[in-house]
Amino acid sequence: MIYKFKSKADGDLIMLEPSGRRVLEILGKDAGPKGIITAEQIPGAIHALERAIAHEEAIHKPSGTEGAEQQEGHEPTVSITLRQRAKPFLDMLRRCETAHADVVWGV
């Protein structure tokens, strides 16, 4: 499943199911096939995402020993952070906040 977020203030944003579901859960929204984030809810949504990003970064703060953990002949593990996954969505929310526009999906 994919989520296609739409708004009159911005172009469409497509997210794959795991990322879209996670973002919607952070916002306290039902991750169903249809939904809306009203213009009035957008400031709270931005704050919730920023808080979740800060929390994830605090938990996964580099300890300064990453080089010591990498073994010869093994590729380092690269994971995509919530900040990276949520940035396009946060950008969309900020543009919609300025334009006082809703964000919808599944319609």
N, C-alpha and C. Protein backbone atom coordinates (compact mmCIF):
# COMPACT_ATOMS: atom_id res chain seq x y z
N MET A 1 0.84 -1.18 0.00
CA MET A 1 0.00 0.00 0.00
C MET A 1 0.88 1.24 0.00
N ILE A 2 0.43 2.27 -0.64
CA ILE A 2 1.12 3.55 -0.60
C ILE A 2 0.15 4.60 -0.08
N TYR A 3 0.72 5.64 0.49
CA TYR A 3 -0.07 6.79 0.91
C TYR A 3 0.24 7.92 -0.05
N LYS A 4 -0.81 8.53 -0.59
CA LYS A 4 -0.65 9.69 -1.47
C LYS A 4 -1.30 10.87 -0.76
N PHE A 5 -0.44 11.73 -0.20
CA PHE A 5 -0.90 12.90 0.52
C PHE A 5 -1.11 14.04 -0.47
N LYS A 6 -2.24 14.74 -0.33
CA LYS A 6 -2.60 15.81 -1.25
C LYS A 6 -2.99 17.06 -0.48
N SER A 7 -2.74 18.20 -1.12
CA SER A 7 -3.16 19.47 -0.56
C SER A 7 -3.27 20.49 -1.68
N LYS A 8 -4.14 21.46 -1.50
CA LYS A 8 -4.27 22.54 -2.48
C LYS A 8 -3.05 23.45 -2.45
N ALA A 9 -2.27 23.40 -1.37
CA ALA A 9 -1.13 24.29 -1.21
C ALA A 9 0.19 23.69 -1.68
N ASP A 10 0.18 22.42 -2.09
CA ASP A 10 1.43 21.75 -2.41
C ASP A 10 1.17 20.61 -3.39
N GLY A 11 2.22 20.11 -3.99
CA GLY A 11 2.10 18.96 -4.86
C GLY A 11 1.85 17.70 -4.05
N ASP A 12 1.50 16.62 -4.74
CA ASP A 12 1.26 15.35 -4.06
C ASP A 12 2.55 14.78 -3.49
N LEU A 13 2.43 14.08 -2.39
CA LEU A 13 3.56 13.42 -1.74
C LEU A 13 3.20 11.96 -1.56
N ILE A 14 4.04 11.09 -2.08
CA ILE A 14 3.80 9.65 -1.98
C ILE A 14 4.78 9.04 -0.99
N MET A 15 4.25 8.24 -0.07
CA MET A 15 5.08 7.52 0.90
C MET A 15 4.67 6.06 0.88
N LEU A 16 5.66 5.18 1.00
CA LEU A 16 5.36 3.77 1.12
C LEU A 16 4.70 3.49 2.46
N GLU A 17 3.99 2.41 2.54
CA GLU A 17 3.16 2.08 3.69
C GLU A 17 3.89 2.16 5.04
N PRO A 18 5.06 1.54 5.21
CA PRO A 18 5.68 1.60 6.55
C PRO A 18 5.99 3.03 7.00
N SER A 19 6.53 3.84 6.11
CA SER A 19 6.87 5.22 6.49
C SER A 19 5.61 6.05 6.71
N GLY A 20 4.64 5.93 5.81
CA GLY A 20 3.40 6.68 5.95
C GLY A 20 2.65 6.32 7.22
N ARG A 21 2.59 5.03 7.51
CA ARG A 21 1.92 4.56 8.72
C ARG A 21 2.61 5.12 9.97
N ARG A 22 3.94 5.08 9.99
CA ARG A 22 4.68 5.57 11.15
C ARG A 22 4.42 7.06 11.38
N VAL A 23 4.47 7.83 10.30
CA VAL A 23 4.23 9.27 10.41
C VAL A 23 2.82 9.53 10.94
N LEU A 24 1.84 8.84 10.38
CA LEU A 24 0.45 9.05 10.81
C LEU A 24 0.26 8.64 12.27
N GLU A 25 0.90 7.56 12.69
CA GLU A 25 0.79 7.14 14.09
C GLU A 25 1.41 8.17 15.02
N ILE A 26 2.53 8.76 14.62
CA ILE A 26 3.15 9.81 15.42
C ILE A 26 2.19 10.99 15.58
N LEU A 27 1.42 11.26 14.53
CA LEU A 27 0.47 12.37 14.57
C LEU A 27 -0.81 12.02 15.30
N GLY A 28 -0.95 10.75 15.69
CA GLY A 28 -2.16 10.33 16.37
C GLY A 28 -3.33 10.14 15.43
N LYS A 29 -3.03 9.93 14.16
CA LYS A 29 -4.06 9.74 13.14
C LYS A 29 -4.24 8.26 12.84
N ASP A 30 -5.45 7.89 12.46
CA ASP A 30 -5.73 6.54 12.00
C ASP A 30 -5.00 6.35 10.67
N ALA A 31 -4.20 5.32 10.57
CA ALA A 31 -3.41 5.08 9.37
C ALA A 31 -4.21 4.32 8.32
N GLY A 32 -5.50 4.55 8.28
CA GLY A 32 -6.37 3.89 7.32
C GLY A 32 -6.16 4.42 5.92
N PRO A 33 -6.95 3.89 4.98
CA PRO A 33 -6.77 4.27 3.58
C PRO A 33 -7.21 5.70 3.26
N LYS A 34 -8.00 6.33 4.11
CA LYS A 34 -8.44 7.71 3.89
C LYS A 34 -8.31 8.51 5.18
N GLY A 35 -8.01 9.79 5.02
CA GLY A 35 -7.93 10.62 6.21
C GLY A 35 -7.65 12.07 5.87
N ILE A 36 -7.61 12.88 6.92
CA ILE A 36 -7.38 14.32 6.76
C ILE A 36 -6.62 14.86 7.96
N ILE A 37 -5.76 15.79 7.68
CA ILE A 37 -5.13 16.62 8.72
C ILE A 37 -5.63 18.02 8.40
N THR A 38 -6.47 18.53 9.26
CA THR A 38 -7.05 19.85 8.99
C THR A 38 -5.99 20.94 9.20
N ALA A 39 -6.26 22.09 8.62
CA ALA A 39 -5.34 23.22 8.76
C ALA A 39 -5.12 23.57 10.24
N GLU A 40 -6.15 23.40 11.05
CA GLU A 40 -6.04 23.69 12.47
C GLU A 40 -5.15 22.67 13.20
N GLN A 41 -5.07 21.45 12.68
CA GLN A 41 -4.27 20.40 13.30
C GLN A 41 -2.80 20.44 12.87
N ILE A 42 -2.49 21.16 11.83
CA ILE A 42 -1.14 21.14 11.26
C ILE A 42 -0.07 21.63 12.23
N PRO A 43 -0.24 22.74 12.97
CA PRO A 43 0.81 23.13 13.91
C PRO A 43 1.13 22.03 14.93
N GLY A 44 0.12 21.37 15.45
CA GLY A 44 0.34 20.27 16.39
C GLY A 44 1.03 19.09 15.72
N ALA A 45 0.69 18.85 14.46
CA ALA A 45 1.32 17.74 13.71
C ALA A 45 2.81 18.01 13.50
N ILE A 46 3.13 19.24 13.16
CA ILE A 46 4.54 19.62 12.98
C ILE A 46 5.29 19.43 14.29
N HIS A 47 4.70 19.90 15.37
CA HIS A 47 5.34 19.77 16.69
C HIS A 47 5.53 18.30 17.06
N ALA A 48 4.53 17.46 16.82
CA ALA A 48 4.63 16.04 17.16
C ALA A 48 5.74 15.36 16.36
N LEU A 49 5.84 15.66 15.08
CA LEU A 49 6.90 15.05 14.26
C LEU A 49 8.28 15.53 14.71
N GLU A 50 8.41 16.82 14.97
CA GLU A 50 9.71 17.34 15.42
C GLU A 50 10.11 16.72 16.75
N ARG A 51 9.15 16.53 17.64
CA ARG A 51 9.42 15.92 18.94
C ARG A 51 9.86 14.46 18.77
N ALA A 52 9.19 13.72 17.87
CA ALA A 52 9.55 12.32 17.62
C ALA A 52 10.93 12.21 16.99
N ILE A 53 11.26 13.13 16.09
CA ILE A 53 12.59 13.14 15.47
C ILE A 53 13.66 13.39 16.52
N ALA A 54 13.44 14.38 17.38
CA ALA A 54 14.40 14.69 18.44
C ALA A 54 14.57 13.51 19.38
N HIS A 55 13.48 12.83 19.70
CA HIS A 55 13.54 11.67 20.58
C HIS A 55 14.36 10.55 19.94
N GLU A 56 14.11 10.26 18.67
CA GLU A 56 14.87 9.22 17.98
C GLU A 56 16.35 9.56 17.92
N GLU A 57 16.66 10.82 17.64
CA GLU A 57 18.06 11.23 17.56
C GLU A 57 18.75 11.15 18.93
N ALA A 58 18.03 11.43 19.99
CA ALA A 58 18.61 11.33 21.33
C ALA A 58 18.91 9.88 21.69
N ILE A 59 18.02 8.98 21.27
CA ILE A 59 18.23 7.56 21.56
C ILE A 59 19.39 6.99 20.77
N HIS A 60 19.51 7.41 19.52
CA HIS A 60 20.52 6.84 18.63
C HIS A 60 21.72 7.75 18.44
N LYS A 61 21.99 8.55 19.44
CA LYS A 61 23.12 9.47 19.36
C LYS A 61 24.42 8.68 19.21
N PRO A 62 25.27 9.06 18.24
CA PRO A 62 26.53 8.33 18.05
C PRO A 62 27.40 8.40 19.30
N SER A 63 28.01 7.27 19.61
CA SER A 63 28.83 7.20 20.81
C SER A 63 30.28 7.54 20.55
N GLY A 64 30.64 7.73 19.27
CA GLY A 64 32.03 8.03 18.95
C GLY A 64 32.85 6.78 18.71
N THR A 65 32.23 5.60 18.76
CA THR A 65 32.98 4.35 18.56
C THR A 65 32.54 3.63 17.29
N GLU A 66 31.86 4.33 16.37
CA GLU A 66 31.37 3.65 15.18
C GLU A 66 32.49 3.00 14.40
N GLY A 67 33.63 3.67 14.30
CA GLY A 67 34.75 3.12 13.55
C GLY A 67 35.29 1.85 14.16
N ALA A 68 35.26 1.75 15.48
CA ALA A 68 35.77 0.57 16.16
C ALA A 68 34.85 -0.63 15.95
N GLU A 69 33.56 -0.37 15.76
CA GLU A 69 32.60 -1.46 15.58
C GLU A 69 32.65 -2.05 14.18
N GLN A 70 33.12 -1.27 13.20
CA GLN A 70 33.15 -1.75 11.82
C GLN A 70 34.30 -2.74 11.68
N GLN A 71 33.98 -3.92 11.21
CA GLN A 71 35.00 -4.93 11.03
C GLN A 71 35.48 -4.93 9.59
N GLU A 72 36.71 -5.33 9.41
CA GLU A 72 37.28 -5.39 8.07
C GLU A 72 36.50 -6.38 7.22
N GLY A 73 36.17 -5.98 6.01
CA GLY A 73 35.45 -6.85 5.10
C GLY A 73 33.94 -6.78 5.24
N HIS A 74 33.43 -6.03 6.19
CA HIS A 74 31.99 -5.91 6.39
C HIS A 74 31.56 -4.48 6.08
N GLU A 75 30.46 -4.37 5.38
CA GLU A 75 29.90 -3.06 5.06
C GLU A 75 29.25 -2.48 6.31
N PRO A 76 29.40 -1.19 6.54
CA PRO A 76 28.71 -0.58 7.68
C PRO A 76 27.19 -0.58 7.43
N THR A 77 26.45 -0.70 8.50
CA THR A 77 24.99 -0.68 8.36
C THR A 77 24.53 0.76 8.23
N VAL A 78 23.69 0.98 7.25
CA VAL A 78 23.15 2.31 7.03
C VAL A 78 21.65 2.23 7.20
N SER A 79 21.14 3.04 8.11
CA SER A 79 19.69 3.07 8.29
C SER A 79 19.20 4.48 7.98
N ILE A 80 18.01 4.55 7.47
CA ILE A 80 17.41 5.84 7.15
C ILE A 80 16.64 6.30 8.37
N THR A 81 16.93 7.50 8.80
CA THR A 81 16.35 8.02 10.04
C THR A 81 14.94 8.56 9.81
N LEU A 82 14.24 8.75 10.90
CA LEU A 82 12.93 9.37 10.85
C LEU A 82 13.04 10.78 10.26
N ARG A 83 14.09 11.50 10.61
CA ARG A 83 14.29 12.85 10.06
C ARG A 83 14.29 12.81 8.54
N GLN A 84 15.02 11.85 7.97
CA GLN A 84 15.10 11.73 6.52
C GLN A 84 13.76 11.33 5.91
N ARG A 85 13.09 10.39 6.53
CA ARG A 85 11.80 9.92 6.01
C ARG A 85 10.71 10.99 6.12
N ALA A 86 10.75 11.76 7.20
CA ALA A 86 9.67 12.71 7.47
C ALA A 86 9.90 14.10 6.86
N LYS A 87 11.11 14.39 6.41
CA LYS A 87 11.40 15.74 5.91
C LYS A 87 10.45 16.20 4.80
N PRO A 88 10.21 15.40 3.76
CA PRO A 88 9.27 15.87 2.74
C PRO A 88 7.87 16.13 3.30
N PHE A 89 7.45 15.30 4.25
CA PHE A 89 6.13 15.47 4.85
C PHE A 89 6.10 16.73 5.71
N LEU A 90 7.17 16.97 6.47
CA LEU A 90 7.26 18.19 7.28
C LEU A 90 7.25 19.43 6.39
N ASP A 91 7.97 19.37 5.27
CA ASP A 91 7.99 20.49 4.33
C ASP A 91 6.57 20.76 3.82
N MET A 92 5.85 19.69 3.48
CA MET A 92 4.48 19.83 3.00
C MET A 92 3.60 20.46 4.09
N LEU A 93 3.73 19.98 5.32
CA LEU A 93 2.93 20.53 6.41
C LEU A 93 3.22 22.01 6.62
N ARG A 94 4.47 22.40 6.52
CA ARG A 94 4.82 23.81 6.73
C ARG A 94 4.23 24.69 5.63
N ARG A 95 4.27 24.22 4.39
CA ARG A 95 3.67 24.99 3.29
C ARG A 95 2.14 25.08 3.47
N CYS A 96 1.55 23.99 3.91
CA CYS A 96 0.10 23.98 4.15
C CYS A 96 -0.27 24.87 5.33
N GLU A 97 0.58 24.91 6.33
CA GLU A 97 0.33 25.79 7.47
C GLU A 97 0.30 27.25 7.01
N THR A 98 1.27 27.61 6.19
CA THR A 98 1.33 28.98 5.67
C THR A 98 0.09 29.32 4.84
N ALA A 99 -0.36 28.36 4.03
CA ALA A 99 -1.52 28.59 3.15
C ALA A 99 -2.85 28.29 3.84
N HIS A 100 -2.78 27.81 5.07
CA HIS A 100 -3.97 27.41 5.84
C HIS A 100 -4.81 26.40 5.03
N ALA A 101 -4.11 25.34 4.58
CA ALA A 101 -4.75 24.31 3.75
C ALA A 101 -4.70 22.95 4.45
N ASP A 102 -5.68 22.13 4.22
CA ASP A 102 -5.74 20.77 4.76
C ASP A 102 -4.82 19.84 3.96
N VAL A 103 -4.46 18.72 4.60
CA VAL A 103 -3.75 17.63 3.92
C VAL A 103 -4.68 16.41 3.99
N VAL A 104 -4.89 15.77 2.85
CA VAL A 104 -5.75 14.58 2.80
C VAL A 104 -4.99 13.44 2.17
N TRP A 105 -5.47 12.22 2.39
CA TRP A 105 -4.94 11.06 1.69
C TRP A 105 -6.09 10.10 1.40
N GLY A 106 -5.93 9.38 0.30
CA GLY A 106 -6.92 8.37 -0.06
C GLY A 106 -8.18 8.90 -0.70
N VAL A 107 -8.22 10.16 -1.05
CA VAL A 107 -9.42 10.71 -1.69
C VAL A 107 -9.09 11.21 -3.08
